[in-house]
Amino acid sequence: MQASSTEAAPAAPVVVAPRPPSHSGWSRAKRRESAVDIVMMAPPLLLVVGLVVVPIGIAVYLSFTDWNGFTTPPHPVGFRNYVRLTEDSAVRHAAFVTLLITLVGTVVCNVLGLGVALLLNRNSRLNAILRVLVFYPYVVGPVILGFLWSSILGTDGAVNAVVGAKHSLPFLSDPTWAVATVICVIVWSSFGVNVVLYLAGLQTVPDSIIEAAKIDGASPWQTFWRVKLPMLAPTVTVNVVLVVIGLLRVYELILALTAGGPAGETQSFVYNILTSSFDNTQLGYGAAQSVVLMIVIIVVTVGITSARRRSEQAVSA
């Protein structure tokens, strides 16, 4: 009888399944992270609410009242203030002056800013000094600049003192001259920031692309028009939006330069808002003008950015 011997099979390795993560621990970590996010976001959100949302809400509410800002409590008047806006010749003239300043200033600031940026794009000691000089008026307060130019261009200013009484120029006393003077001073004081932004945009254009265009025989104008300018499109959009918003809100420089004169010919929309609100003690009416200006700024800003986005999509399609 033959006995059969059997070998013992090796034991299979025991695989230990990983322990699933504790949902309670994970949720506690998420809650802590969310709490930290809330704590970090709370201060800026409170600032936005307190300095932007609440004032806008108050302005909208006051625009439907006849509050004088001092004595009588606000009394609801419905849309009377907004109807009055369409009938007020002072508001229409202020809107026209603001529109003229905005259109001319936006075009000149961007064209001049881009041109100067192209001239100062090369790195040199002289260009560095010129960049500072071009940007300097932007950092000086508009009230200081207004008084400075008033002392230069006024009836008794430095320019008329040089040319003499017989040949004095009505920079600030003639309505047409005054509006043109205001626009020139605003452009001079504002376009420096456009130069800086365009310089920053030009620095992002790769030198290899410029060299490739030159090798292909492109002239300097063709290189600018077909290479540099398309790549500067986002910078152009930012500059246009900043200039438009700034010029729609222009007030301090006009106050110091012409005080809205002569005969109210240089009053901007914001100047008229403050005149209505405080000089005429019609805070409800001034609030209605403020709401209209806010809506205009929002619509213009959204329109410019949307047009830029559509043009980018059309190019990429």
Protein backbone atom coordinates (compact mmCIF):
# COMPACT_ATOMS: atom_id res chain seq x y z
CA MET A 1 0.00 0.00 0.00
CA GLN A 2 1.58 3.27 -1.14
CA ALA A 3 0.99 6.36 0.96
CA SER A 4 0.46 9.60 -0.96
CA SER A 5 2.22 12.60 0.53
CA THR A 6 0.65 16.01 0.02
CA GLU A 7 2.53 19.30 0.23
CA ALA A 8 0.98 22.07 2.23
CA ALA A 9 -0.10 24.97 -0.02
CA PRO A 10 1.48 28.35 0.86
CA ALA A 11 -0.80 30.63 2.80
CA ALA A 12 -2.35 33.44 0.74
CA PRO A 13 -1.23 36.95 1.78
CA VAL A 14 -3.74 38.80 3.84
CA VAL A 15 -4.72 42.11 2.24
CA VAL A 16 -5.86 44.68 4.74
CA ALA A 17 -8.29 47.15 3.22
CA PRO A 18 -7.39 50.77 3.90
CA ARG A 19 -9.45 52.33 6.56
CA PRO A 20 -11.93 54.76 5.06
CA PRO A 21 -11.34 58.35 6.07
CA SER A 22 -13.36 59.57 8.94
CA HIS A 23 -16.16 61.70 7.61
CA SER A 24 -16.39 63.50 10.89
CA GLY A 25 -12.70 64.46 10.79
CA TRP A 26 -12.93 65.55 7.15
CA SER A 27 -16.01 67.63 7.82
CA ARG A 28 -14.34 69.25 10.82
CA ALA A 29 -11.34 70.20 8.67
CA LYS A 30 -13.64 71.61 6.00
CA ARG A 31 -15.55 73.58 8.59
CA ARG A 32 -12.33 75.02 9.97
CA GLU A 33 -11.19 75.95 6.47
CA SER A 34 -14.54 77.57 5.71
CA ALA A 35 -14.41 79.47 8.99
CA VAL A 36 -10.94 80.79 8.15
CA ASP A 37 -12.16 81.86 4.69
CA ILE A 38 -15.11 83.69 6.21
CA VAL A 39 -12.92 85.45 8.76
CA MET A 40 -10.47 86.53 6.04
CA MET A 41 -13.21 87.75 3.70
CA ALA A 42 -15.34 89.48 6.32
CA PRO A 43 -13.34 92.75 6.66
CA PRO A 44 -13.21 93.62 2.93
CA LEU A 45 -16.84 92.56 2.48
CA LEU A 46 -17.89 94.78 5.37
CA LEU A 47 -15.92 97.65 3.86
CA VAL A 48 -17.59 97.16 0.49
CA VAL A 49 -21.02 97.01 2.10
CA GLY A 50 -20.37 100.00 4.33
CA LEU A 51 -18.63 102.21 1.77
CA VAL A 52 -20.38 101.19 -1.46
CA VAL A 53 -23.62 99.27 -1.04
CA VAL A 54 -25.07 101.29 1.84
CA PRO A 55 -24.32 104.73 0.28
CA ILE A 56 -25.80 103.59 -3.04
CA GLY A 57 -28.92 102.40 -1.26
CA ILE A 58 -29.24 105.70 0.61
CA ALA A 59 -28.73 107.69 -2.61
CA VAL A 60 -31.40 105.67 -4.42
CA TYR A 61 -33.81 106.20 -1.52
CA LEU A 62 -33.13 109.95 -1.30
CA SER A 63 -33.58 110.32 -5.07
CA PHE A 64 -37.29 109.62 -4.53
CA THR A 65 -37.63 112.33 -1.85
CA ASP A 66 -37.52 116.12 -1.64
CA TRP A 67 -35.12 116.20 1.32
CA ASN A 68 -33.14 119.44 1.61
CA GLY A 69 -30.41 117.73 3.61
CA PHE A 70 -30.72 119.79 6.76
CA THR A 71 -34.13 120.49 8.31
CA THR A 72 -37.24 118.85 6.92
CA PRO A 73 -37.42 115.04 6.97
CA PRO A 74 -37.38 113.22 3.61
CA HIS A 75 -40.79 113.29 1.97
CA PRO A 76 -41.48 110.81 -0.87
CA VAL A 77 -42.14 112.47 -4.22
CA GLY A 78 -42.00 109.45 -6.53
CA PHE A 79 -40.24 110.02 -9.85
CA ARG A 80 -40.59 113.80 -9.71
CA ASN A 81 -36.83 114.37 -9.41
CA TYR A 82 -36.13 112.17 -12.43
CA VAL A 83 -38.78 113.96 -14.50
CA ARG A 84 -37.24 117.27 -13.47
CA LEU A 85 -33.88 116.10 -14.80
CA THR A 86 -35.26 116.01 -18.33
CA GLU A 87 -36.57 119.57 -18.02
CA ASP A 88 -33.58 121.24 -16.32
CA SER A 89 -31.44 123.21 -18.77
CA ALA A 90 -28.55 123.36 -16.29
CA VAL A 91 -28.48 119.56 -16.12
CA ARG A 92 -28.58 119.27 -19.90
CA HIS A 93 -25.71 121.74 -20.29
CA ALA A 94 -23.65 119.99 -17.59
CA ALA A 95 -24.28 116.66 -19.31
CA PHE A 96 -23.17 118.14 -22.65
CA VAL A 97 -19.98 119.58 -21.14
CA THR A 98 -19.21 116.27 -19.44
CA LEU A 99 -19.87 114.34 -22.66
CA LEU A 100 -17.61 116.69 -24.62
CA ILE A 101 -14.81 116.43 -22.05
CA THR A 102 -15.18 112.64 -21.94
CA LEU A 103 -15.15 112.09 -25.70
CA VAL A 104 -12.30 114.46 -26.49
CA GLY A 105 -10.32 113.55 -23.39
CA THR A 106 -10.62 109.80 -23.96
CA VAL A 107 -9.39 110.01 -27.55
CA VAL A 108 -6.57 112.46 -26.86
CA CYS A 109 -5.38 110.76 -23.65
CA ASN A 110 -5.15 107.36 -25.33
CA VAL A 111 -3.64 108.53 -28.62
CA LEU A 112 -1.17 110.83 -26.90
CA GLY A 113 -0.43 108.28 -24.18
CA LEU A 114 0.29 105.53 -26.70
CA GLY A 115 2.44 107.81 -28.83
CA VAL A 116 4.53 108.97 -25.89
CA ALA A 117 4.82 105.38 -24.65
CA LEU A 118 6.22 104.31 -28.02
CA LEU A 119 8.79 107.10 -27.85
CA LEU A 120 9.82 106.24 -24.29
CA ASN A 121 9.79 102.46 -24.72
CA ARG A 122 13.57 102.17 -25.02
CA ASN A 123 15.45 101.84 -21.75
CA SER A 124 17.78 104.77 -21.20
CA ARG A 125 18.54 107.25 -18.45
CA LEU A 126 16.90 110.10 -20.37
CA ASN A 127 13.74 108.06 -20.98
CA ALA A 128 13.58 107.15 -17.30
CA ILE A 129 13.65 110.85 -16.37
CA LEU A 130 11.05 111.70 -19.01
CA ARG A 131 8.75 108.94 -17.74
CA VAL A 132 8.82 110.46 -14.26
CA LEU A 133 8.13 113.94 -15.63
CA VAL A 134 5.22 112.71 -17.75
CA PHE A 135 3.66 110.81 -14.85
CA TYR A 136 4.25 113.51 -12.23
CA PRO A 137 1.13 115.65 -12.94
CA TYR A 138 -1.08 112.62 -12.37
CA VAL A 139 0.10 112.19 -8.78
CA VAL A 140 -0.34 115.88 -7.92
CA GLY A 141 -3.75 116.79 -6.52
CA PRO A 142 -6.21 118.17 -9.08
CA VAL A 143 -7.00 121.15 -6.85
CA ILE A 144 -3.32 122.14 -6.79
CA LEU A 145 -3.10 121.78 -10.56
CA GLY A 146 -6.27 123.82 -11.01
CA PHE A 147 -4.98 126.72 -8.93
CA LEU A 148 -1.59 126.49 -10.65
CA TRP A 149 -3.04 126.79 -14.14
CA SER A 150 -5.50 129.44 -12.99
CA SER A 151 -2.56 131.58 -11.88
CA ILE A 152 -0.91 131.00 -15.25
CA LEU A 153 -3.88 131.39 -17.62
CA GLY A 154 -6.20 133.69 -15.66
CA THR A 155 -7.01 137.26 -16.62
CA ASP A 156 -4.25 138.50 -14.31
CA GLY A 157 -2.13 135.39 -14.82
CA ALA A 158 1.43 134.99 -15.96
CA VAL A 159 0.65 134.53 -19.66
CA ASN A 160 -1.49 137.67 -19.96
CA ALA A 161 1.05 139.62 -17.91
CA VAL A 162 3.64 138.76 -20.55
CA VAL A 163 1.51 139.51 -23.64
CA GLY A 164 0.08 142.69 -22.13
CA ALA A 165 -3.45 143.98 -21.55
CA LYS A 166 -4.07 144.87 -25.20
CA HIS A 167 -3.36 141.33 -26.38
CA SER A 168 -4.66 139.40 -23.38
CA LEU A 169 -6.14 136.00 -24.15
CA PRO A 170 -9.48 134.97 -22.59
CA PHE A 171 -8.39 131.48 -21.54
CA LEU A 172 -10.82 131.35 -18.61
CA SER A 173 -13.18 134.26 -19.30
CA ASP A 174 -14.61 133.28 -22.70
CA PRO A 175 -16.98 130.26 -22.72
CA THR A 176 -15.41 128.55 -25.74
CA TRP A 177 -11.87 129.23 -24.60
CA ALA A 178 -12.69 128.12 -21.06
CA VAL A 179 -14.05 124.72 -22.13
CA ALA A 180 -11.04 124.15 -24.41
CA THR A 181 -8.68 125.19 -21.59
CA VAL A 182 -10.36 122.81 -19.15
CA ILE A 183 -10.02 119.92 -21.62
CA CYS A 184 -6.34 120.69 -22.26
CA VAL A 185 -5.49 120.89 -18.55
CA ILE A 186 -7.41 117.68 -17.83
CA VAL A 187 -5.59 115.84 -20.62
CA TRP A 188 -2.21 117.19 -19.47
CA SER A 189 -2.85 116.07 -15.91
CA SER A 190 -4.30 112.65 -16.78
CA PHE A 191 -2.47 111.13 -19.72
CA GLY A 192 0.60 110.23 -17.66
CA VAL A 193 -1.10 107.15 -16.26
CA ASN A 194 -1.99 106.10 -19.80
CA VAL A 195 1.67 106.36 -20.76
CA VAL A 196 2.65 104.12 -17.85
CA LEU A 197 0.01 101.51 -18.69
CA TYR A 198 0.92 101.48 -22.38
CA LEU A 199 4.60 101.15 -21.48
CA ALA A 200 3.73 98.14 -19.34
CA GLY A 201 1.77 96.67 -22.23
CA LEU A 202 4.60 97.24 -24.70
CA GLN A 203 6.99 95.41 -22.39
CA THR A 204 4.84 92.28 -22.76
CA VAL A 205 5.23 92.17 -26.56
CA PRO A 206 7.88 89.48 -27.24
CA ASP A 207 10.99 90.72 -29.03
CA SER A 208 11.00 87.55 -31.13
CA ILE A 209 7.71 88.54 -32.75
CA ILE A 210 9.03 92.02 -33.53
CA GLU A 211 12.21 90.56 -35.03
CA ALA A 212 10.20 88.08 -37.10
CA ALA A 213 8.09 90.93 -38.48
CA LYS A 214 11.23 92.87 -39.42
CA ILE A 215 12.70 89.82 -41.13
CA ASP A 216 9.49 89.47 -43.14
CA GLY A 217 10.01 93.02 -44.38
CA ALA A 218 7.41 94.80 -42.27
CA SER A 219 7.87 98.55 -41.96
CA PRO A 220 7.78 100.22 -38.51
CA TRP A 221 4.19 101.31 -39.14
CA GLN A 222 3.15 97.79 -40.22
CA THR A 223 4.90 96.32 -37.18
CA PHE A 224 2.98 98.67 -34.92
CA TRP A 225 -0.38 98.30 -36.64
CA ARG A 226 -0.33 94.53 -37.23
CA VAL A 227 1.77 93.27 -34.31
CA LYS A 228 1.99 95.66 -31.39
CA LEU A 229 -1.47 97.22 -31.45
CA PRO A 230 -3.42 93.91 -31.52
CA MET A 231 -1.37 92.66 -28.59
CA LEU A 232 -2.09 95.92 -26.74
CA ALA A 233 -5.86 95.47 -27.06
CA PRO A 234 -6.38 94.52 -23.37
CA THR A 235 -4.31 97.54 -22.31
CA VAL A 236 -6.33 99.79 -24.59
CA THR A 237 -9.54 98.53 -22.98
CA VAL A 238 -8.23 99.20 -19.48
CA ASN A 239 -7.06 102.68 -20.45
CA VAL A 240 -10.33 103.60 -22.11
CA VAL A 241 -12.39 102.42 -19.14
CA LEU A 242 -10.20 104.26 -16.63
CA VAL A 243 -10.23 107.50 -18.62
CA VAL A 244 -13.98 107.40 -19.25
CA ILE A 245 -14.79 106.79 -15.59
CA GLY A 246 -12.36 109.49 -14.48
CA LEU A 247 -13.67 112.11 -16.91
CA LEU A 248 -17.32 111.38 -16.17
CA ARG A 249 -16.54 112.15 -12.53
CA VAL A 250 -14.32 115.21 -13.09
CA TYR A 251 -15.00 117.98 -10.59
CA GLU A 252 -12.08 119.15 -8.43
CA LEU A 253 -9.91 120.50 -11.23
CA ILE A 254 -12.81 122.47 -12.72
CA LEU A 255 -13.65 123.88 -9.29
CA ALA A 256 -10.11 125.17 -8.80
CA LEU A 257 -9.53 126.26 -12.40
CA THR A 258 -12.76 128.03 -13.40
CA ALA A 259 -15.20 127.49 -10.50
CA GLY A 260 -17.66 126.38 -13.17
CA GLY A 261 -17.50 129.72 -14.96
CA PRO A 262 -17.83 131.81 -16.86
CA ALA A 263 -21.58 131.86 -16.15
CA GLY A 264 -21.67 128.11 -15.51
CA GLU A 265 -20.31 127.22 -18.96
CA THR A 266 -17.72 124.76 -17.63
CA GLN A 267 -19.85 123.04 -15.00
CA SER A 268 -19.55 119.27 -15.26
CA PHE A 269 -22.27 116.83 -14.24
CA VAL A 270 -20.69 116.14 -10.86
CA TYR A 271 -20.21 119.88 -10.33
CA ASN A 272 -23.93 120.36 -10.96
CA ILE A 273 -24.76 117.52 -8.54
CA LEU A 274 -22.87 119.22 -5.73
CA THR A 275 -24.35 122.61 -6.61
CA SER A 276 -27.88 121.19 -6.51
CA SER A 277 -27.26 119.24 -3.31
CA PHE A 278 -25.47 121.80 -1.15
CA ASP A 279 -25.62 125.27 -2.70
CA ASN A 280 -29.32 124.91 -3.51
CA THR A 281 -30.05 122.53 -0.57
CA GLN A 282 -31.86 120.03 -2.82
CA LEU A 283 -30.24 116.80 -1.72
CA GLY A 284 -33.01 114.62 -3.13
CA TYR A 285 -32.60 116.18 -6.56
CA GLY A 286 -28.83 115.84 -6.35
CA ALA A 287 -29.21 112.18 -5.36
CA ALA A 288 -31.33 111.57 -8.47
CA GLN A 289 -28.55 113.02 -10.62
CA SER A 290 -26.02 110.81 -8.81
CA VAL A 291 -28.07 107.69 -9.52
CA VAL A 292 -28.30 108.61 -13.21
CA LEU A 293 -24.53 109.15 -13.38
CA MET A 294 -23.90 105.81 -11.65
CA ILE A 295 -26.11 104.02 -14.18
CA VAL A 296 -24.32 105.74 -17.08
CA ILE A 297 -20.90 104.72 -15.74
CA ILE A 298 -22.02 101.11 -15.28
CA VAL A 299 -23.57 100.92 -18.76
CA VAL A 300 -20.53 102.47 -20.45
CA THR A 301 -18.08 100.24 -18.58
CA VAL A 302 -20.04 97.07 -19.32
CA GLY A 303 -20.47 98.13 -22.94
CA ILE A 304 -16.74 98.72 -23.47
CA THR A 305 -15.68 95.45 -21.86
CA SER A 306 -18.40 93.49 -23.70
CA ALA A 307 -17.34 94.97 -27.04
CA ARG A 308 -13.74 94.02 -26.30
CA ARG A 309 -14.78 90.46 -25.39
CA ARG A 310 -16.84 90.09 -28.57
CA SER A 311 -13.96 91.31 -30.71
CA GLU A 312 -11.63 88.77 -29.08
CA GLN A 313 -14.12 85.99 -29.75
CA ALA A 314 -14.47 87.10 -33.38
CA VAL A 315 -10.70 87.07 -33.87
CA SER A 316 -10.27 83.63 -32.28
CA ALA A 317 -13.20 82.10 -34.21
